[in-house]
N, C-alpha and C. Protein backbone atom coordinates (compact mmCIF):
# COMPACT_ATOMS: atom_id res chain seq x y z
N MET A 1 -30.10 -90.18 -2.21
CA MET A 1 -28.73 -90.01 -2.19
C MET A 1 -28.21 -91.22 -2.99
N GLU A 2 -29.00 -92.31 -2.93
CA GLU A 2 -28.28 -93.66 -3.57
C GLU A 2 -28.21 -93.39 -5.03
N ASN A 3 -28.54 -92.84 -5.60
CA ASN A 3 -28.97 -92.34 -7.56
C ASN A 3 -27.51 -91.66 -6.99
N GLU A 4 -26.72 -90.78 -6.38
CA GLU A 4 -26.01 -90.18 -6.29
C GLU A 4 -24.31 -90.44 -6.71
N LYS A 5 -23.93 -90.26 -7.76
CA LYS A 5 -22.70 -90.75 -7.77
C LYS A 5 -21.93 -90.91 -6.27
N LYS A 6 -21.29 -91.48 -6.29
CA LYS A 6 -20.25 -91.34 -5.02
C LYS A 6 -19.09 -90.49 -4.64
N ASN A 7 -18.45 -89.61 -4.06
CA ASN A 7 -17.23 -88.95 -3.69
C ASN A 7 -16.81 -88.99 -2.90
N VAL A 8 -15.73 -89.74 -3.05
CA VAL A 8 -14.74 -90.52 -2.23
C VAL A 8 -14.09 -89.14 -0.94
N VAL A 9 -13.83 -88.70 -1.29
CA VAL A 9 -13.77 -87.24 -0.15
C VAL A 9 -14.69 -86.94 0.45
N LEU A 10 -15.46 -86.51 0.06
CA LEU A 10 -16.86 -86.37 0.80
C LEU A 10 -17.39 -87.61 1.99
N GLU A 11 -17.10 -88.72 1.18
CA GLU A 11 -17.21 -89.55 2.50
C GLU A 11 -16.30 -90.05 3.41
N LYS A 12 -14.88 -89.89 3.27
CA LYS A 12 -13.52 -90.31 3.67
C LYS A 12 -13.29 -89.50 4.83
N SER A 13 -14.26 -87.62 4.63
CA SER A 13 -14.30 -86.50 5.28
C SER A 13 -15.60 -87.03 6.42
N PHE A 14 -16.40 -87.26 6.02
CA PHE A 14 -17.15 -87.55 7.06
C PHE A 14 -17.14 -89.11 7.92
N GLN A 15 -16.26 -89.88 7.67
CA GLN A 15 -15.96 -90.92 8.41
C GLN A 15 -14.61 -90.60 9.55
N LEU A 16 -13.46 -88.69 9.18
CA LEU A 16 -12.87 -88.68 10.29
C LEU A 16 -14.10 -88.28 11.12
N ALA A 17 -15.05 -87.36 10.58
CA ALA A 17 -15.58 -86.02 11.01
C ALA A 17 -15.87 -87.62 12.90
N LEU A 18 -16.79 -88.56 12.19
CA LEU A 18 -17.18 -89.57 13.12
C LEU A 18 -15.98 -90.05 14.37
N LYS A 19 -14.50 -90.20 13.18
CA LYS A 19 -13.83 -90.72 14.30
C LYS A 19 -13.52 -89.32 15.05
N ILE A 20 -13.17 -88.25 15.10
CA ILE A 20 -13.16 -87.42 15.87
C ILE A 20 -13.57 -86.73 16.73
N ILE A 21 -14.96 -86.91 16.91
CA ILE A 21 -16.00 -86.59 17.53
C ILE A 21 -15.93 -88.30 18.87
N LYS A 22 -15.65 -89.41 17.86
CA LYS A 22 -15.44 -90.40 19.09
C LYS A 22 -14.32 -89.67 20.18
N LEU A 23 -13.30 -90.02 19.12
CA LEU A 23 -11.91 -90.05 19.96
C LEU A 23 -12.24 -88.47 20.58
N THR A 24 -12.81 -87.59 20.43
CA THR A 24 -12.46 -85.94 21.73
C THR A 24 -13.72 -86.20 22.35
N THR A 25 -14.56 -86.79 22.57
CA THR A 25 -15.41 -87.80 23.44
C THR A 25 -14.23 -87.94 24.27
N GLU A 26 -13.42 -88.82 24.10
CA GLU A 26 -12.71 -89.55 25.42
C GLU A 26 -11.79 -88.51 25.75
N LEU A 27 -11.42 -87.79 25.16
CA LEU A 27 -10.46 -87.12 24.67
C LEU A 27 -10.74 -85.84 25.71
N SER A 28 -11.38 -85.73 26.06
CA SER A 28 -12.28 -83.95 26.66
C SER A 28 -11.93 -84.26 28.01
N LYS A 29 -12.27 -85.96 28.37
CA LYS A 29 -12.16 -86.25 30.15
C LYS A 29 -10.92 -85.50 30.53
N VAL A 30 -9.86 -86.02 29.61
CA VAL A 30 -8.59 -85.52 29.64
C VAL A 30 -7.50 -84.00 30.02
N ASN A 31 -8.24 -83.40 28.47
CA ASN A 31 -7.85 -82.40 27.61
C ASN A 31 -9.05 -82.12 27.16
N ARG A 32 -9.65 -81.00 27.76
CA ARG A 32 -10.63 -80.25 27.05
C ARG A 32 -10.23 -79.33 25.83
N ILE A 33 -8.88 -78.63 25.96
CA ILE A 33 -8.60 -78.08 25.40
C ILE A 33 -8.15 -78.60 23.95
N LEU A 34 -7.40 -79.52 24.59
CA LEU A 34 -7.14 -79.62 22.89
C LEU A 34 -8.59 -80.83 22.53
N ALA A 35 -8.93 -81.38 23.07
CA ALA A 35 -9.78 -81.92 22.02
C ALA A 35 -10.87 -80.88 21.36
N ASP A 36 -10.80 -79.41 22.20
CA ASP A 36 -12.17 -78.60 21.58
C ASP A 36 -11.44 -78.04 20.00
N GLN A 37 -9.68 -78.74 20.09
CA GLN A 37 -9.00 -78.02 18.78
C GLN A 37 -8.97 -78.85 18.03
N ILE A 38 -8.73 -80.04 17.90
CA ILE A 38 -9.14 -81.26 17.00
C ILE A 38 -10.52 -81.54 16.89
N LEU A 39 -11.22 -81.15 17.52
CA LEU A 39 -12.62 -81.43 16.99
C LEU A 39 -13.12 -80.16 16.28
N ARG A 40 -12.71 -78.92 15.93
CA ARG A 40 -13.16 -77.74 15.50
C ARG A 40 -12.39 -78.52 13.81
N SER A 41 -11.11 -78.87 14.39
CA SER A 41 -10.57 -78.99 12.68
C SER A 41 -10.88 -80.61 11.97
N GLY A 42 -11.20 -81.27 12.73
CA GLY A 42 -11.72 -82.19 11.91
C GLY A 42 -12.41 -82.60 11.28
N THR A 43 -13.72 -81.90 11.65
CA THR A 43 -15.13 -81.42 11.36
C THR A 43 -15.70 -80.60 10.38
N SER A 44 -14.27 -79.83 10.37
CA SER A 44 -14.83 -78.32 9.28
C SER A 44 -13.69 -79.21 8.62
N VAL A 45 -13.61 -80.15 7.86
CA VAL A 45 -12.96 -80.43 6.72
C VAL A 45 -13.79 -80.95 5.86
N GLY A 46 -14.92 -81.66 6.55
CA GLY A 46 -15.64 -82.13 5.61
C GLY A 46 -16.65 -80.89 6.17
N ALA A 47 -16.78 -80.18 6.51
CA ALA A 47 -18.20 -78.75 6.24
C ALA A 47 -17.82 -78.11 4.42
N ASN A 48 -16.01 -77.56 5.14
CA ASN A 48 -15.89 -76.91 3.36
C ASN A 48 -15.89 -78.03 2.43
N LEU A 49 -15.64 -79.13 2.43
CA LEU A 49 -15.42 -80.12 1.09
C LEU A 49 -17.41 -79.88 0.57
N ASN A 50 -18.24 -79.95 1.35
CA ASN A 50 -19.72 -79.91 1.28
C ASN A 50 -19.60 -78.90 0.85
N GLU A 51 -19.67 -77.55 1.16
CA GLU A 51 -19.64 -76.06 0.90
C GLU A 51 -19.37 -75.78 -0.41
N ALA A 52 -18.47 -76.21 -0.24
CA ALA A 52 -16.83 -76.27 -1.98
C ALA A 52 -17.95 -77.29 -3.33
N GLN A 53 -19.29 -77.69 -3.20
CA GLN A 53 -19.61 -78.56 -3.42
C GLN A 53 -21.50 -77.77 -4.38
N ALA A 54 -21.71 -76.68 -3.75
CA ALA A 54 -22.19 -75.73 -3.70
C ALA A 54 -21.72 -74.45 -4.14
N ALA A 55 -20.12 -74.35 -4.81
CA ALA A 55 -19.53 -72.96 -5.14
C ALA A 55 -20.34 -72.44 -6.09
N LEU A 56 -20.42 -71.53 -6.25
CA LEU A 56 -20.86 -70.42 -8.08
C LEU A 56 -20.08 -70.20 -8.80
N THR A 57 -18.77 -70.60 -8.27
CA THR A 57 -17.46 -70.43 -9.63
C THR A 57 -16.15 -71.28 -9.08
N LYS A 58 -15.59 -71.51 -10.06
CA LYS A 58 -14.64 -71.90 -9.90
C LYS A 58 -13.40 -71.36 -8.48
N LYS A 59 -13.53 -70.44 -8.67
CA LYS A 59 -12.38 -69.86 -7.32
C LYS A 59 -13.30 -70.31 -6.46
N GLU A 60 -14.26 -69.67 -5.87
CA GLU A 60 -15.09 -69.95 -4.86
C GLU A 60 -15.17 -71.67 -4.41
N PHE A 61 -14.88 -72.67 -4.99
CA PHE A 61 -14.34 -73.80 -5.22
C PHE A 61 -13.25 -74.11 -4.89
N ILE A 62 -12.61 -73.68 -5.40
CA ILE A 62 -10.85 -73.60 -4.82
C ILE A 62 -10.42 -73.63 -3.59
N ALA A 63 -11.11 -71.99 -3.49
CA ALA A 63 -10.84 -71.40 -2.06
C ALA A 63 -11.38 -72.74 -0.83
N LYS A 64 -12.79 -72.81 -1.21
CA LYS A 64 -13.09 -73.87 -0.33
C LYS A 64 -12.78 -75.14 -0.14
N VAL A 65 -11.81 -76.04 -1.40
CA VAL A 65 -11.35 -76.95 -0.65
C VAL A 65 -9.59 -77.01 -0.19
N ALA A 66 -9.89 -75.71 -0.57
CA ALA A 66 -7.76 -74.86 0.10
C ALA A 66 -8.28 -75.04 1.74
N ILE A 67 -9.49 -74.51 2.32
CA ILE A 67 -9.73 -74.43 3.23
C ILE A 67 -9.62 -75.48 4.25
N ALA A 68 -10.26 -76.38 3.16
CA ALA A 68 -9.92 -78.18 3.64
C ALA A 68 -9.33 -78.38 3.74
N ALA A 69 -8.44 -78.31 3.20
CA ALA A 69 -6.45 -78.78 3.06
C ALA A 69 -6.13 -78.09 4.06
N LYS A 70 -6.75 -76.86 4.80
CA LYS A 70 -5.63 -76.27 5.65
C LYS A 70 -6.11 -77.02 7.35
N GLU A 71 -6.94 -77.36 7.12
CA GLU A 71 -7.88 -77.86 8.12
C GLU A 71 -7.25 -79.21 8.31
N ILE A 72 -7.31 -80.29 7.18
CA ILE A 72 -7.25 -81.78 7.36
C ILE A 72 -5.12 -81.70 7.89
N ARG A 73 -4.83 -81.03 6.90
CA ARG A 73 -3.07 -80.67 8.14
C ARG A 73 -3.17 -80.48 9.27
N GLU A 74 -4.63 -79.56 9.81
CA GLU A 74 -3.79 -78.95 11.37
C GLU A 74 -4.80 -80.10 12.24
N THR A 75 -5.34 -80.53 11.39
CA THR A 75 -6.09 -82.11 12.09
C THR A 75 -5.13 -83.30 11.87
N LYS A 76 -3.92 -83.43 11.43
CA LYS A 76 -2.70 -84.41 11.13
C LYS A 76 -2.00 -83.73 12.54
N TYR A 77 -1.74 -82.36 12.98
CA TYR A 77 -1.00 -81.74 13.50
C TYR A 77 -1.50 -82.17 14.84
N TRP A 78 -2.64 -82.56 15.45
CA TRP A 78 -2.93 -82.51 16.67
C TRP A 78 -3.14 -84.50 16.79
N LEU A 79 -2.84 -84.57 16.24
CA LEU A 79 -3.50 -85.96 16.03
C LEU A 79 -1.87 -86.36 16.67
N MET A 80 -0.98 -85.60 15.95
CA MET A 80 0.62 -86.20 16.00
C MET A 80 0.98 -85.67 17.46
N LEU A 81 0.51 -84.43 18.22
CA LEU A 81 0.88 -83.80 18.96
C LEU A 81 0.33 -84.91 20.24
N LEU A 82 -1.16 -85.34 20.06
CA LEU A 82 -1.73 -86.36 21.08
C LEU A 82 -1.35 -87.31 20.70
N THR A 83 -0.75 -87.95 19.78
CA THR A 83 0.12 -88.95 20.10
C THR A 83 1.73 -89.33 20.84
N GLU A 84 2.46 -88.19 20.72
CA GLU A 84 4.05 -87.90 20.87
C GLU A 84 3.48 -87.54 22.38
N SER A 85 2.07 -86.96 22.97
CA SER A 85 2.00 -86.50 24.17
C SER A 85 1.48 -87.32 25.33
N ASN A 86 1.49 -88.57 24.67
CA ASN A 86 0.83 -90.26 25.44
C ASN A 86 -0.70 -89.62 25.59
N LEU A 87 -1.20 -88.76 24.76
CA LEU A 87 -2.79 -88.40 25.86
C LEU A 87 -3.83 -89.29 24.25
N MET A 88 -2.88 -89.90 23.73
CA MET A 88 -3.89 -91.01 23.02
C MET A 88 -3.02 -91.84 22.61
N LYS A 89 -3.63 -93.51 22.05
CA LYS A 89 -2.62 -94.24 21.80
C LYS A 89 -2.74 -93.46 19.77
N ARG A 90 -1.46 -94.13 19.40
CA ARG A 90 -1.34 -94.12 18.23
C ARG A 90 -2.83 -94.95 17.23
N ASP A 91 -3.39 -94.45 16.06
CA ASP A 91 -4.24 -94.97 15.12
C ASP A 91 -4.30 -94.94 14.58
N ILE A 92 -3.31 -96.15 13.83
CA ILE A 92 -2.91 -95.91 12.64
C ILE A 92 -3.63 -95.97 11.64
N GLU A 93 -5.00 -96.13 11.53
CA GLU A 93 -6.14 -96.34 10.70
C GLU A 93 -6.69 -95.06 10.36
N LEU A 94 -6.64 -94.03 11.76
CA LEU A 94 -7.42 -92.75 11.46
C LEU A 94 -6.41 -91.59 10.58
N GLU A 95 -4.78 -92.22 10.89
CA GLU A 95 -3.85 -91.89 10.54
C GLU A 95 -3.68 -91.81 8.54
N ILE A 96 -3.96 -93.03 8.29
CA ILE A 96 -4.22 -93.29 7.00
C ILE A 96 -5.06 -92.39 6.48
N LEU A 97 -6.32 -92.35 6.91
CA LEU A 97 -7.53 -91.81 6.94
C LEU A 97 -7.19 -90.05 6.39
N VAL A 98 -6.73 -89.54 7.54
CA VAL A 98 -6.09 -88.00 6.86
C VAL A 98 -4.88 -88.13 5.64
N ASP A 99 -4.00 -88.97 6.18
CA ASP A 99 -3.16 -88.95 4.50
C ASP A 99 -4.05 -89.06 3.33
N ASP A 100 -5.08 -89.52 3.17
CA ASP A 100 -5.63 -89.83 2.14
C ASP A 100 -6.37 -89.02 1.92
N ILE A 101 -7.03 -88.12 2.64
CA ILE A 101 -7.39 -86.86 2.60
C ILE A 101 -6.79 -86.12 1.87
N ILE A 102 -5.46 -85.52 2.53
CA ILE A 102 -4.39 -84.69 2.24
C ILE A 102 -4.55 -84.54 0.67
N LYS A 103 -4.23 -86.41 0.57
CA LYS A 103 -4.10 -86.38 -1.01
C LYS A 103 -4.72 -85.97 -1.93
N ILE A 104 -5.70 -86.39 -1.45
CA ILE A 104 -7.16 -85.71 -2.29
C ILE A 104 -7.04 -84.77 -2.55
N VAL A 105 -7.66 -84.17 -1.07
CA VAL A 105 -7.75 -82.92 -1.88
C VAL A 105 -6.82 -81.61 -2.60
N THR A 106 -5.14 -82.36 -2.59
CA THR A 106 -3.87 -81.81 -2.89
C THR A 106 -4.46 -81.61 -4.57
N LYS A 107 -4.86 -83.06 -4.51
CA LYS A 107 -4.51 -82.96 -6.02
C LYS A 107 -6.38 -82.31 -6.73
N ILE A 108 -6.93 -82.43 -5.75
CA ILE A 108 -8.40 -81.30 -5.83
C ILE A 108 -8.09 -79.80 -6.39
N ILE A 109 -7.03 -79.34 -6.38
CA ILE A 109 -7.26 -78.30 -5.46
C ILE A 109 -5.71 -77.80 -6.85
N LYS A 110 -5.57 -79.02 -7.40
CA LYS A 110 -3.79 -78.52 -8.47
C LYS A 110 -4.63 -78.81 -9.51
N THR A 111 -4.85 -80.15 -9.79
CA THR A 111 -6.13 -79.65 -11.34
C THR A 111 -7.60 -79.05 -11.34
N SER A 112 -8.10 -78.53 -10.47
CA SER A 112 -8.84 -77.43 -10.56
C SER A 112 -8.28 -76.55 -10.86
N GLN A 113 -6.81 -76.18 -9.92
CA GLN A 113 -6.04 -74.79 -10.88
C GLN A 113 -6.00 -74.88 -12.13
N GLU A 114 -5.47 -76.53 -12.42
CA GLU A 114 -4.97 -76.59 -13.98
C GLU A 114 -5.84 -76.16 -15.01
N ASN A 115 -6.80 -76.51 -14.59
CA ASN A 115 -8.33 -76.06 -15.75
C ASN A 115 -9.05 -75.20 -15.53
N ASN A 116 -8.28 -74.09 -14.44
CA ASN A 116 -8.77 -72.90 -14.22
C ASN A 116 -8.05 -71.89 -15.07
N GLN A 117 -6.90 -72.28 -15.56
CA GLN A 117 -6.24 -71.82 -16.47
C GLN A 117 -6.51 -72.21 -17.98
N ALA A 118 -6.97 -73.12 -17.92
CA ALA A 118 -7.25 -73.12 -19.45
C ALA A 118 -8.72 -72.39 -20.18
């Protein structure tokens, strides 16, 4: 993996998954249902982005990245809900990471769709 070109969105989504796992370990003691929800959405972002890397067609690639885009937005929703309900303290670093991933996957989808038209 050392010789491979860095893929920023894969790295960020992996870091997100690690942070979500840590968060849900504590959160599950307070609210297991919400912990399970954010665990599923927060870890599936990277899983879908990694699946996209093995896509056989551009259409399949776009579809997988689009699923990741939906999952990261769902994760953002759960983070806002948890923060506003005082089940967790606001984590600015985590919010920035989520927003960064949203921006990147949105750009990937837009660029891929434009390139697919040509």
